[in-house]
Amino acid sequence: MDTSSKSGQFFVATGAFLGWFSILLQFYLIILNREASIPETVIRYFSFFTILTNILITVCFTALLCSPLSSMGSFFSRPSTLTPLAVYITIVGLVYNGILRFLWSPQGAQQLVDELLHVVNPLWFLLFWILFVPKSRLKWKNVYFWLLYPLIYISFILIRGSVSGFYPYPFVNVSNLGYPVVLINCLILSFAFVLLSLIFVWIGKRWRK
């Protein structure tokens, strides 16, 4: 992948700036408005799929910008790395705007950071994937490996939630819904990840033709 052009550098630099700005601002706000101890609040902050995925794409942009020839830069320049990142951050945008947006009404700085994390950053990375990521060598079998990250994440929040009582999203809140409903929700989410991954690979193969 070549991002050495002016347009490529612009996309990467802007993505890195937007990412770090929104991630750090959200961290500041969650500490400022915390309802638990600082250590617990920090753990909760890193328990959100939105935060973890925005960190991933931001680290990706930063590596491509600052050290594209390093081992990290090489890893994040692979289509087989960039494509699942595009899938993950697209899921972030779809779930928030399709379900979670209607559950609360953030104001001020929180509204700004919400729009960045759930709309601007996902759309920016998706546009980056469309314009700059080679797609012709994407393989169907990669989809199974791409599912590892969301599965590990789901396992983590369910295990930690059973101990702490904190669940980052209402559709995985075992205390309110019970395990049968939560497990069904997790299966639906897993199916969504697989389906979207297949769509992205299909787009890549169609793009080549």
N, C-alpha and C. Protein backbone atom coordinates (compact mmCIF):
# COMPACT_ATOMS: atom_id res chain seq x y z
N MET A 1 0.85 -1.19 0.00
CA MET A 1 0.00 0.00 0.00
C MET A 1 0.88 1.24 0.00
N ASP A 2 0.60 2.17 -0.88
CA ASP A 2 1.41 3.39 -1.00
C ASP A 2 0.60 4.59 -0.52
N THR A 3 1.02 5.15 0.61
CA THR A 3 0.37 6.37 1.12
C THR A 3 1.34 7.54 1.07
N SER A 4 2.36 7.43 0.22
CA SER A 4 3.38 8.48 0.15
C SER A 4 2.90 9.70 -0.63
N SER A 5 1.82 9.57 -1.38
CA SER A 5 1.28 10.71 -2.11
C SER A 5 0.74 11.74 -1.13
N LYS A 6 0.53 12.95 -1.63
CA LYS A 6 0.01 14.01 -0.76
C LYS A 6 -1.36 13.66 -0.21
N SER A 7 -2.21 13.09 -1.06
CA SER A 7 -3.54 12.72 -0.61
C SER A 7 -3.48 11.61 0.44
N GLY A 8 -2.57 10.65 0.21
CA GLY A 8 -2.40 9.57 1.17
C GLY A 8 -1.89 10.08 2.50
N GLN A 9 -0.90 10.95 2.48
CA GLN A 9 -0.37 11.53 3.71
C GLN A 9 -1.42 12.36 4.42
N PHE A 10 -2.23 13.06 3.66
CA PHE A 10 -3.31 13.85 4.27
C PHE A 10 -4.30 12.95 5.00
N PHE A 11 -4.70 11.86 4.36
CA PHE A 11 -5.66 10.94 4.98
C PHE A 11 -5.09 10.34 6.25
N VAL A 12 -3.84 9.91 6.19
CA VAL A 12 -3.22 9.25 7.33
C VAL A 12 -3.03 10.24 8.48
N ALA A 13 -2.52 11.43 8.17
CA ALA A 13 -2.27 12.43 9.22
C ALA A 13 -3.58 12.90 9.85
N THR A 14 -4.59 13.13 9.03
CA THR A 14 -5.88 13.57 9.56
C THR A 14 -6.52 12.48 10.41
N GLY A 15 -6.43 11.24 9.96
CA GLY A 15 -6.97 10.13 10.73
C GLY A 15 -6.29 9.98 12.07
N ALA A 16 -4.96 10.15 12.10
CA ALA A 16 -4.22 10.06 13.36
C ALA A 16 -4.62 11.19 14.30
N PHE A 17 -4.74 12.40 13.77
CA PHE A 17 -5.12 13.55 14.61
C PHE A 17 -6.52 13.37 15.18
N LEU A 18 -7.48 13.05 14.33
CA LEU A 18 -8.86 12.87 14.80
C LEU A 18 -8.95 11.75 15.82
N GLY A 19 -8.20 10.68 15.57
CA GLY A 19 -8.24 9.55 16.48
C GLY A 19 -7.72 9.88 17.86
N TRP A 20 -6.52 10.45 17.93
CA TRP A 20 -5.94 10.78 19.24
C TRP A 20 -6.75 11.85 19.95
N PHE A 21 -7.24 12.82 19.21
CA PHE A 21 -8.04 13.88 19.83
C PHE A 21 -9.29 13.30 20.48
N SER A 22 -10.01 12.46 19.77
CA SER A 22 -11.26 11.92 20.29
C SER A 22 -11.02 10.93 21.42
N ILE A 23 -10.00 10.10 21.31
CA ILE A 23 -9.69 9.11 22.35
C ILE A 23 -9.29 9.80 23.65
N LEU A 24 -8.40 10.79 23.55
CA LEU A 24 -7.93 11.48 24.75
C LEU A 24 -9.02 12.35 25.37
N LEU A 25 -9.83 12.98 24.52
CA LEU A 25 -10.92 13.78 25.05
C LEU A 25 -11.93 12.90 25.78
N GLN A 26 -12.24 11.73 25.21
CA GLN A 26 -13.16 10.83 25.89
C GLN A 26 -12.58 10.33 27.22
N PHE A 27 -11.28 10.09 27.25
CA PHE A 27 -10.65 9.66 28.50
C PHE A 27 -10.76 10.77 29.55
N TYR A 28 -10.51 12.00 29.15
CA TYR A 28 -10.63 13.13 30.07
C TYR A 28 -12.05 13.24 30.61
N LEU A 29 -13.03 13.11 29.74
CA LEU A 29 -14.43 13.26 30.14
C LEU A 29 -14.89 12.14 31.07
N ILE A 30 -14.43 10.92 30.80
CA ILE A 30 -14.88 9.81 31.64
C ILE A 30 -14.24 9.89 33.02
N ILE A 31 -13.01 10.42 33.10
CA ILE A 31 -12.37 10.64 34.40
C ILE A 31 -13.06 11.79 35.13
N LEU A 32 -13.36 12.85 34.39
CA LEU A 32 -14.00 14.02 34.98
C LEU A 32 -15.37 13.69 35.56
N ASN A 33 -16.12 12.84 34.87
CA ASN A 33 -17.50 12.52 35.28
C ASN A 33 -17.62 11.12 35.88
N ARG A 34 -16.55 10.64 36.43
CA ARG A 34 -16.52 9.25 36.91
C ARG A 34 -17.51 9.01 38.05
N GLU A 35 -18.03 7.81 38.08
CA GLU A 35 -18.94 7.36 39.14
C GLU A 35 -18.31 6.25 39.97
N ALA A 36 -17.06 5.93 39.68
CA ALA A 36 -16.33 4.90 40.42
C ALA A 36 -14.92 5.41 40.68
N SER A 37 -14.09 4.60 41.31
CA SER A 37 -12.70 5.00 41.57
C SER A 37 -11.96 5.17 40.25
N ILE A 38 -10.85 5.89 40.28
CA ILE A 38 -10.08 6.12 39.06
C ILE A 38 -9.61 4.81 38.43
N PRO A 39 -9.02 3.87 39.21
CA PRO A 39 -8.61 2.60 38.58
C PRO A 39 -9.78 1.87 37.91
N GLU A 40 -10.93 1.82 38.59
CA GLU A 40 -12.10 1.16 38.01
C GLU A 40 -12.59 1.90 36.78
N THR A 41 -12.55 3.23 36.82
CA THR A 41 -12.98 4.04 35.68
C THR A 41 -12.08 3.80 34.47
N VAL A 42 -10.78 3.69 34.71
CA VAL A 42 -9.84 3.42 33.62
C VAL A 42 -10.12 2.06 32.99
N ILE A 43 -10.38 1.06 33.83
CA ILE A 43 -10.70 -0.28 33.32
C ILE A 43 -11.98 -0.22 32.49
N ARG A 44 -12.97 0.51 32.99
CA ARG A 44 -14.23 0.62 32.27
C ARG A 44 -14.02 1.32 30.92
N TYR A 45 -13.16 2.32 30.92
CA TYR A 45 -12.87 3.05 29.68
C TYR A 45 -12.36 2.09 28.60
N PHE A 46 -11.44 1.21 29.02
CA PHE A 46 -10.87 0.27 28.06
C PHE A 46 -11.73 -0.98 27.88
N SER A 47 -12.93 -0.97 28.46
CA SER A 47 -13.86 -2.08 28.28
C SER A 47 -14.84 -1.84 27.14
N PHE A 48 -14.79 -0.66 26.53
CA PHE A 48 -15.69 -0.34 25.43
C PHE A 48 -15.07 -0.74 24.10
N PHE A 49 -15.82 -1.48 23.30
CA PHE A 49 -15.35 -1.88 21.97
C PHE A 49 -15.06 -0.65 21.12
N THR A 50 -15.86 0.38 21.31
CA THR A 50 -15.66 1.63 20.58
C THR A 50 -14.27 2.20 20.85
N ILE A 51 -13.88 2.25 22.11
CA ILE A 51 -12.58 2.82 22.48
C ILE A 51 -11.45 1.96 21.94
N LEU A 52 -11.52 0.66 22.18
CA LEU A 52 -10.45 -0.23 21.75
C LEU A 52 -10.27 -0.18 20.24
N THR A 53 -11.37 -0.15 19.51
CA THR A 53 -11.28 -0.16 18.05
C THR A 53 -10.79 1.19 17.51
N ASN A 54 -11.22 2.28 18.13
CA ASN A 54 -10.69 3.58 17.74
C ASN A 54 -9.20 3.68 18.04
N ILE A 55 -8.77 3.08 19.14
CA ILE A 55 -7.34 3.06 19.44
C ILE A 55 -6.59 2.28 18.36
N LEU A 56 -7.14 1.15 17.94
CA LEU A 56 -6.50 0.34 16.91
C LEU A 56 -6.31 1.11 15.60
N ILE A 57 -7.38 1.77 15.14
CA ILE A 57 -7.25 2.48 13.87
C ILE A 57 -6.34 3.70 14.01
N THR A 58 -6.32 4.30 15.20
CA THR A 58 -5.46 5.46 15.43
C THR A 58 -4.00 5.04 15.47
N VAL A 59 -3.70 3.94 16.13
CA VAL A 59 -2.33 3.41 16.13
C VAL A 59 -1.92 3.05 14.71
N CYS A 60 -2.86 2.49 13.95
CA CYS A 60 -2.60 2.16 12.55
C CYS A 60 -2.22 3.41 11.76
N PHE A 61 -3.03 4.45 11.84
CA PHE A 61 -2.72 5.70 11.13
C PHE A 61 -1.38 6.27 11.58
N THR A 62 -1.11 6.22 12.87
CA THR A 62 0.12 6.78 13.42
C THR A 62 1.34 6.02 12.91
N ALA A 63 1.24 4.69 12.87
CA ALA A 63 2.35 3.88 12.38
C ALA A 63 2.60 4.15 10.90
N LEU A 64 1.54 4.26 10.13
CA LEU A 64 1.70 4.54 8.69
C LEU A 64 2.27 5.93 8.45
N LEU A 65 1.98 6.85 9.37
CA LEU A 65 2.47 8.21 9.23
C LEU A 65 3.92 8.36 9.69
N CYS A 66 4.23 7.80 10.85
CA CYS A 66 5.53 8.06 11.50
C CYS A 66 6.60 7.02 11.18
N SER A 67 6.18 5.77 10.97
CA SER A 67 7.20 4.74 10.73
C SER A 67 6.68 3.69 9.76
N PRO A 68 6.40 4.10 8.52
CA PRO A 68 5.81 3.16 7.55
C PRO A 68 6.72 1.99 7.18
N LEU A 69 8.04 2.15 7.37
CA LEU A 69 8.97 1.10 7.00
C LEU A 69 9.33 0.18 8.17
N SER A 70 8.84 0.50 9.35
CA SER A 70 9.11 -0.33 10.52
C SER A 70 8.28 -1.61 10.47
N SER A 71 8.54 -2.52 11.41
CA SER A 71 7.76 -3.75 11.46
C SER A 71 6.29 -3.45 11.74
N MET A 72 6.04 -2.46 12.61
CA MET A 72 4.65 -2.08 12.90
C MET A 72 4.01 -1.45 11.68
N GLY A 73 4.75 -0.57 11.01
CA GLY A 73 4.22 0.05 9.80
C GLY A 73 3.92 -0.97 8.72
N SER A 74 4.80 -1.97 8.61
CA SER A 74 4.59 -3.04 7.63
C SER A 74 3.35 -3.86 7.97
N PHE A 75 3.15 -4.13 9.26
CA PHE A 75 1.99 -4.90 9.69
C PHE A 75 0.70 -4.15 9.37
N PHE A 76 0.68 -2.85 9.67
CA PHE A 76 -0.55 -2.08 9.48
C PHE A 76 -0.76 -1.67 8.02
N SER A 77 0.20 -1.94 7.16
CA SER A 77 0.02 -1.62 5.74
C SER A 77 -0.55 -2.79 4.95
N ARG A 78 -0.68 -3.94 5.61
CA ARG A 78 -1.20 -5.13 4.92
C ARG A 78 -2.72 -5.02 4.73
N PRO A 79 -3.21 -5.34 3.55
CA PRO A 79 -4.66 -5.38 3.35
C PRO A 79 -5.36 -6.34 4.30
N SER A 80 -4.68 -7.43 4.68
CA SER A 80 -5.28 -8.40 5.59
C SER A 80 -5.34 -7.88 7.02
N THR A 81 -4.66 -6.77 7.31
CA THR A 81 -4.78 -6.09 8.59
C THR A 81 -5.77 -4.93 8.50
N LEU A 82 -5.66 -4.16 7.44
CA LEU A 82 -6.49 -2.97 7.28
C LEU A 82 -7.97 -3.33 7.06
N THR A 83 -8.22 -4.42 6.37
CA THR A 83 -9.61 -4.78 6.08
C THR A 83 -10.40 -5.17 7.33
N PRO A 84 -9.87 -6.04 8.22
CA PRO A 84 -10.63 -6.29 9.44
C PRO A 84 -10.79 -5.06 10.31
N LEU A 85 -9.78 -4.17 10.30
CA LEU A 85 -9.94 -2.92 11.05
C LEU A 85 -11.11 -2.12 10.49
N ALA A 86 -11.24 -2.12 9.16
CA ALA A 86 -12.37 -1.43 8.53
C ALA A 86 -13.69 -2.08 8.93
N VAL A 87 -13.69 -3.41 9.03
CA VAL A 87 -14.90 -4.12 9.46
C VAL A 87 -15.25 -3.74 10.90
N TYR A 88 -14.25 -3.78 11.79
CA TYR A 88 -14.50 -3.49 13.21
C TYR A 88 -15.04 -2.09 13.42
N ILE A 89 -14.41 -1.11 12.77
CA ILE A 89 -14.82 0.28 13.00
C ILE A 89 -16.17 0.56 12.31
N THR A 90 -16.47 -0.17 11.25
CA THR A 90 -17.79 -0.04 10.62
C THR A 90 -18.87 -0.57 11.56
N ILE A 91 -18.59 -1.69 12.23
CA ILE A 91 -19.53 -2.23 13.22
C ILE A 91 -19.77 -1.22 14.33
N VAL A 92 -18.70 -0.55 14.77
CA VAL A 92 -18.82 0.49 15.79
C VAL A 92 -19.85 1.53 15.36
N GLY A 93 -19.71 2.01 14.14
CA GLY A 93 -20.63 3.02 13.64
C GLY A 93 -22.04 2.51 13.48
N LEU A 94 -22.19 1.30 12.96
CA LEU A 94 -23.52 0.75 12.72
C LEU A 94 -24.28 0.48 14.02
N VAL A 95 -23.59 -0.13 14.99
CA VAL A 95 -24.27 -0.46 16.26
C VAL A 95 -24.66 0.80 17.01
N TYR A 96 -23.75 1.77 17.05
CA TYR A 96 -24.08 3.00 17.78
C TYR A 96 -25.23 3.76 17.12
N ASN A 97 -25.11 3.98 15.82
CA ASN A 97 -26.11 4.79 15.14
C ASN A 97 -27.42 4.05 14.92
N GLY A 98 -27.37 2.70 14.94
CA GLY A 98 -28.59 1.94 14.75
C GLY A 98 -29.31 1.60 16.04
N ILE A 99 -28.56 1.55 17.17
CA ILE A 99 -29.15 1.11 18.43
C ILE A 99 -28.90 2.10 19.57
N LEU A 100 -27.63 2.38 19.83
CA LEU A 100 -27.25 3.07 21.06
C LEU A 100 -27.51 4.58 21.04
N ARG A 101 -27.51 5.18 19.87
CA ARG A 101 -27.69 6.63 19.78
C ARG A 101 -29.00 7.09 20.43
N PHE A 102 -30.01 6.24 20.38
CA PHE A 102 -31.33 6.63 20.85
C PHE A 102 -31.52 6.41 22.35
N LEU A 103 -30.48 5.92 23.02
CA LEU A 103 -30.60 5.60 24.45
C LEU A 103 -30.15 6.73 25.35
N TRP A 104 -29.48 7.76 24.78
CA TRP A 104 -29.06 8.89 25.60
C TRP A 104 -28.86 10.11 24.73
N SER A 105 -28.70 11.27 25.36
CA SER A 105 -28.56 12.53 24.62
C SER A 105 -27.37 13.31 25.18
N PRO A 106 -26.17 13.00 24.73
CA PRO A 106 -24.98 13.71 25.22
C PRO A 106 -25.00 15.17 24.80
N GLN A 107 -24.37 15.99 25.61
CA GLN A 107 -24.33 17.42 25.34
C GLN A 107 -22.89 17.92 25.36
N GLY A 108 -22.65 19.06 24.73
CA GLY A 108 -21.37 19.72 24.79
C GLY A 108 -20.22 18.89 24.25
N ALA A 109 -19.15 18.82 25.03
CA ALA A 109 -17.95 18.10 24.60
C ALA A 109 -18.23 16.62 24.41
N GLN A 110 -19.13 16.06 25.22
CA GLN A 110 -19.44 14.64 25.08
C GLN A 110 -20.15 14.36 23.76
N GLN A 111 -20.97 15.27 23.33
CA GLN A 111 -21.63 15.11 22.03
C GLN A 111 -20.60 15.16 20.91
N LEU A 112 -19.64 16.07 21.02
CA LEU A 112 -18.59 16.18 20.01
C LEU A 112 -17.79 14.89 19.91
N VAL A 113 -17.36 14.38 21.06
CA VAL A 113 -16.52 13.19 21.05
C VAL A 113 -17.31 11.97 20.60
N ASP A 114 -18.59 11.92 20.91
CA ASP A 114 -19.42 10.82 20.45
C ASP A 114 -19.51 10.79 18.92
N GLU A 115 -19.69 11.96 18.33
CA GLU A 115 -19.78 12.03 16.87
C GLU A 115 -18.45 11.64 16.23
N LEU A 116 -17.35 12.04 16.85
CA LEU A 116 -16.04 11.68 16.31
C LEU A 116 -15.82 10.17 16.38
N LEU A 117 -16.08 9.58 17.54
CA LEU A 117 -15.79 8.17 17.75
C LEU A 117 -16.71 7.25 16.96
N HIS A 118 -17.97 7.68 16.75
CA HIS A 118 -18.96 6.78 16.17
C HIS A 118 -19.38 7.13 14.75
N VAL A 119 -19.01 8.31 14.27
CA VAL A 119 -19.40 8.71 12.92
C VAL A 119 -18.17 9.13 12.09
N VAL A 120 -17.48 10.15 12.54
CA VAL A 120 -16.37 10.72 11.76
C VAL A 120 -15.24 9.71 11.58
N ASN A 121 -14.75 9.16 12.68
CA ASN A 121 -13.62 8.22 12.59
C ASN A 121 -13.97 6.96 11.78
N PRO A 122 -15.13 6.34 12.01
CA PRO A 122 -15.48 5.19 11.17
C PRO A 122 -15.58 5.53 9.69
N LEU A 123 -16.22 6.64 9.36
CA LEU A 123 -16.35 7.02 7.95
C LEU A 123 -15.00 7.36 7.34
N TRP A 124 -14.12 7.99 8.13
CA TRP A 124 -12.80 8.38 7.63
C TRP A 124 -11.98 7.13 7.31
N PHE A 125 -12.01 6.15 8.23
CA PHE A 125 -11.22 4.94 7.99
C PHE A 125 -11.81 4.14 6.84
N LEU A 126 -13.13 4.09 6.75
CA LEU A 126 -13.77 3.38 5.64
C LEU A 126 -13.41 4.01 4.31
N LEU A 127 -13.39 5.33 4.25
CA LEU A 127 -13.00 6.03 3.02
C LEU A 127 -11.54 5.77 2.70
N PHE A 128 -10.70 5.73 3.74
CA PHE A 128 -9.29 5.40 3.56
C PHE A 128 -9.14 4.00 2.97
N TRP A 129 -9.92 3.06 3.48
CA TRP A 129 -9.87 1.69 2.96
C TRP A 129 -10.28 1.64 1.49
N ILE A 130 -11.32 2.37 1.16
CA ILE A 130 -11.81 2.38 -0.22
C ILE A 130 -10.78 2.97 -1.18
N LEU A 131 -10.14 4.04 -0.77
CA LEU A 131 -9.27 4.78 -1.68
C LEU A 131 -7.84 4.25 -1.76
N PHE A 132 -7.34 3.70 -0.66
CA PHE A 132 -5.90 3.43 -0.61
C PHE A 132 -5.49 1.98 -0.35
N VAL A 133 -6.42 1.14 0.04
CA VAL A 133 -6.04 -0.23 0.40
C VAL A 133 -6.23 -1.17 -0.80
N PRO A 134 -5.15 -1.87 -1.22
CA PRO A 134 -5.29 -2.87 -2.27
C PRO A 134 -6.19 -4.01 -1.78
N LYS A 135 -7.11 -4.45 -2.63
CA LYS A 135 -8.11 -5.41 -2.18
C LYS A 135 -8.11 -6.72 -2.96
N SER A 136 -7.31 -6.80 -4.00
CA SER A 136 -7.42 -7.93 -4.92
C SER A 136 -6.99 -9.26 -4.31
N ARG A 137 -6.15 -9.22 -3.27
CA ARG A 137 -5.63 -10.48 -2.71
C ARG A 137 -6.32 -10.88 -1.41
N LEU A 138 -7.39 -10.23 -1.07
CA LEU A 138 -8.15 -10.64 0.11
C LEU A 138 -8.70 -12.05 -0.10
N LYS A 139 -8.67 -12.86 0.97
CA LYS A 139 -9.08 -14.26 0.87
C LYS A 139 -10.26 -14.53 1.80
N TRP A 140 -11.13 -15.42 1.35
CA TRP A 140 -12.30 -15.78 2.14
C TRP A 140 -11.91 -16.37 3.49
N LYS A 141 -10.85 -17.17 3.51
CA LYS A 141 -10.47 -17.85 4.75
C LYS A 141 -9.99 -16.89 5.84
N ASN A 142 -9.60 -15.68 5.44
CA ASN A 142 -9.15 -14.70 6.43
C ASN A 142 -10.26 -14.29 7.40
N VAL A 143 -11.50 -14.43 6.93
CA VAL A 143 -12.65 -13.98 7.73
C VAL A 143 -12.67 -14.66 9.09
N TYR A 144 -12.30 -15.93 9.15
CA TYR A 144 -12.34 -16.66 10.41
C TYR A 144 -11.35 -16.10 11.42
N PHE A 145 -10.18 -15.69 10.95
CA PHE A 145 -9.18 -15.11 11.84
C PHE A 145 -9.62 -13.72 12.32
N TRP A 146 -10.31 -13.00 11.45
CA TRP A 146 -10.77 -11.65 11.81
C TRP A 146 -11.80 -11.68 12.93
N LEU A 147 -12.45 -12.82 13.13
CA LEU A 147 -13.47 -12.94 14.16
C LEU A 147 -12.86 -13.09 15.56
N LEU A 148 -11.57 -13.38 15.65
CA LEU A 148 -10.92 -13.61 16.94
C LEU A 148 -11.03 -12.39 17.86
N TYR A 149 -10.76 -11.22 17.32
CA TYR A 149 -10.79 -9.99 18.14
C TYR A 149 -12.15 -9.76 18.79
N PRO A 150 -13.26 -9.75 18.05
CA PRO A 150 -14.55 -9.56 18.73
C PRO A 150 -14.90 -10.70 19.68
N LEU A 151 -14.51 -11.93 19.37
CA LEU A 151 -14.80 -13.05 20.27
C LEU A 151 -14.03 -12.93 21.59
N ILE A 152 -12.77 -12.54 21.50
CA ILE A 152 -11.97 -12.32 22.71
C ILE A 152 -12.56 -11.17 23.52
N TYR A 153 -12.96 -10.12 22.82
CA TYR A 153 -13.56 -8.98 23.50
C TYR A 153 -14.85 -9.38 24.24
N ILE A 154 -15.73 -10.09 23.56
CA ILE A 154 -16.99 -10.51 24.17
C ILE A 154 -16.72 -11.38 25.40
N SER A 155 -15.77 -12.30 25.27
CA SER A 155 -15.43 -13.17 26.40
C SER A 155 -14.93 -12.35 27.58
N PHE A 156 -14.10 -11.35 27.29
CA PHE A 156 -13.54 -10.51 28.35
C PHE A 156 -14.63 -9.75 29.11
N ILE A 157 -15.54 -9.09 28.38
CA ILE A 157 -16.53 -8.26 29.08
C ILE A 157 -17.54 -9.12 29.85
N LEU A 158 -17.81 -10.33 29.35
CA LEU A 158 -18.74 -11.19 30.07
C LEU A 158 -18.09 -11.75 31.34
N ILE A 159 -16.83 -12.13 31.24
CA ILE A 159 -16.13 -12.66 32.42
C ILE A 159 -15.94 -11.56 33.45
N ARG A 160 -15.48 -10.39 33.00
CA ARG A 160 -15.27 -9.30 33.95
C ARG A 160 -16.61 -8.82 34.52
N GLY A 161 -17.63 -8.78 33.70
CA GLY A 161 -18.94 -8.34 34.18
C GLY A 161 -19.50 -9.25 35.26
N SER A 162 -19.22 -10.54 35.15
CA SER A 162 -19.71 -11.48 36.16
C SER A 162 -19.06 -11.23 37.52
N VAL A 163 -17.87 -10.59 37.50
CA VAL A 163 -17.16 -10.29 38.75
C VAL A 163 -17.46 -8.88 39.24
N SER A 164 -17.42 -7.91 38.31
CA SER A 164 -17.56 -6.51 38.70
C SER A 164 -19.00 -6.00 38.65
N GLY A 165 -19.84 -6.66 37.85
CA GLY A 165 -21.21 -6.19 37.67
C GLY A 165 -21.34 -5.10 36.63
N PHE A 166 -20.21 -4.72 35.98
CA PHE A 166 -20.25 -3.67 34.96
C PHE A 166 -20.22 -4.29 33.57
N TYR A 167 -21.20 -3.91 32.76
CA TYR A 167 -21.26 -4.32 31.36
C TYR A 167 -21.31 -3.05 30.51
N PRO A 168 -20.41 -2.90 29.55
CA PRO A 168 -20.31 -1.63 28.82
C PRO A 168 -21.48 -1.32 27.90
N TYR A 169 -22.24 -2.35 27.50
CA TYR A 169 -23.35 -2.12 26.58
C TYR A 169 -24.62 -2.82 27.10
N PRO A 170 -25.78 -2.21 26.90
CA PRO A 170 -27.02 -2.79 27.44
C PRO A 170 -27.37 -4.15 26.87
N PHE A 171 -26.99 -4.44 25.63
CA PHE A 171 -27.36 -5.72 25.02
C PHE A 171 -26.48 -6.88 25.49
N VAL A 172 -25.46 -6.58 26.33
CA VAL A 172 -24.66 -7.66 26.92
C VAL A 172 -24.76 -7.62 28.45
N ASN A 173 -25.74 -6.89 28.96
CA ASN A 173 -25.89 -6.76 30.40
C ASN A 173 -26.62 -7.99 30.96
N VAL A 174 -25.84 -8.91 31.46
CA VAL A 174 -26.39 -10.16 31.98
C VAL A 174 -27.29 -9.91 33.18
N SER A 175 -26.98 -8.91 33.99
CA SER A 175 -27.77 -8.61 35.18
C SER A 175 -29.20 -8.27 34.83
N ASN A 176 -29.39 -7.59 33.69
CA ASN A 176 -30.74 -7.17 33.28
C ASN A 176 -31.42 -8.17 32.35
N LEU A 177 -30.63 -8.80 31.47
CA LEU A 177 -31.21 -9.63 30.42
C LEU A 177 -31.11 -11.13 30.69
N GLY A 178 -30.11 -11.53 31.48
CA GLY A 178 -29.88 -12.95 31.69
C GLY A 178 -28.98 -13.53 30.60
N TYR A 179 -28.33 -14.63 30.91
CA TYR A 179 -27.38 -15.22 29.97
C TYR A 179 -28.00 -15.70 28.65
N PRO A 180 -29.17 -16.33 28.67
CA PRO A 180 -29.73 -16.78 27.38
C PRO A 180 -29.89 -15.66 26.36
N VAL A 181 -30.45 -14.53 26.78
CA VAL A 181 -30.66 -13.41 25.87
C VAL A 181 -29.33 -12.81 25.44
N VAL A 182 -28.41 -12.65 26.38
CA VAL A 182 -27.10 -12.06 26.07
C VAL A 182 -26.34 -12.95 25.09
N LEU A 183 -26.38 -14.25 25.29
CA LEU A 183 -25.69 -15.16 24.38
C LEU A 183 -26.28 -15.11 22.98
N ILE A 184 -27.60 -14.97 22.90
CA ILE A 184 -28.24 -14.81 21.58
C ILE A 184 -27.77 -13.51 20.93
N ASN A 185 -27.72 -12.43 21.72
CA ASN A 185 -27.24 -11.15 21.19
C ASN A 185 -25.80 -11.28 20.70
N CYS A 186 -24.97 -12.01 21.44
CA CYS A 186 -23.58 -12.19 21.05
C CYS A 186 -23.47 -13.00 19.75
N LEU A 187 -24.34 -13.98 19.60
CA LEU A 187 -24.35 -14.76 18.36
C LEU A 187 -24.75 -13.88 17.17
N ILE A 188 -25.73 -13.02 17.40
CA ILE A 188 -26.16 -12.11 16.33
C ILE A 188 -25.02 -11.17 15.95
N LEU A 189 -24.33 -10.64 16.95
CA LEU A 189 -23.19 -9.76 16.68
C LEU A 189 -22.09 -10.50 15.93
N SER A 190 -21.81 -11.73 16.34
CA SER A 190 -20.78 -12.52 15.67
C SER A 190 -21.15 -12.75 14.21
N PHE A 191 -22.42 -13.05 13.98
CA PHE A 191 -22.91 -13.23 12.61
C PHE A 191 -22.73 -11.94 11.81
N ALA A 192 -23.00 -10.79 12.45
CA ALA A 192 -22.84 -9.50 11.77
C ALA A 192 -21.38 -9.27 11.39
N PHE A 193 -20.45 -9.63 12.28
CA PHE A 193 -19.03 -9.50 11.96
C PHE A 193 -18.66 -10.37 10.77
N VAL A 194 -19.11 -11.61 10.78
CA VAL A 194 -18.79 -12.53 9.69
C VAL A 194 -19.40 -12.04 8.38
N LEU A 195 -20.65 -11.65 8.42
CA LEU A 195 -21.34 -11.18 7.21
C LEU A 195 -20.66 -9.95 6.63
N LEU A 196 -20.33 -8.98 7.49
CA LEU A 196 -19.69 -7.77 6.99
C LEU A 196 -18.30 -8.06 6.45
N SER A 197 -17.59 -8.97 7.10
CA SER A 197 -16.26 -9.36 6.62
C SER A 197 -16.36 -9.99 5.23
N LEU A 198 -17.35 -10.85 5.04
CA LEU A 198 -17.56 -11.48 3.73
C LEU A 198 -17.89 -10.44 2.68
N ILE A 199 -18.68 -9.44 3.07
CA ILE A 199 -19.02 -8.37 2.13
C ILE A 199 -17.78 -7.59 1.72
N PHE A 200 -16.90 -7.31 2.68
CA PHE A 200 -15.68 -6.58 2.37
C PHE A 200 -14.78 -7.39 1.44
N VAL A 201 -14.65 -8.68 1.68
CA VAL A 201 -13.84 -9.52 0.79
C VAL A 201 -14.47 -9.57 -0.59
N TRP A 202 -15.79 -9.69 -0.63
CA TRP A 202 -16.49 -9.71 -1.92
C TRP A 202 -16.26 -8.42 -2.68
N ILE A 203 -16.32 -7.29 -1.97
CA ILE A 203 -16.06 -5.99 -2.60
C ILE A 203 -14.64 -5.97 -3.17
N GLY A 204 -13.68 -6.51 -2.40
CA GLY A 204 -12.30 -6.56 -2.87
C GLY A 204 -12.16 -7.36 -4.15
N LYS A 205 -12.83 -8.48 -4.21
CA LYS A 205 -12.73 -9.33 -5.40
C LYS A 205 -13.46 -8.69 -6.59
N ARG A 206 -14.57 -8.04 -6.33
CA ARG A 206 -15.27 -7.35 -7.39
C ARG A 206 -14.47 -6.14 -7.88
N TRP A 207 -13.78 -5.50 -6.95
CA TRP A 207 -12.96 -4.33 -7.28
C TRP A 207 -11.90 -4.70 -8.31
N ARG A 208 -11.30 -5.90 -8.12
CA ARG A 208 -10.26 -6.36 -9.03
C ARG A 208 -10.81 -6.53 -10.44
N LYS A 209 -12.06 -7.03 -10.53
CA LYS A 209 -12.66 -7.25 -11.85
C LYS A 209 -13.08 -5.94 -12.50
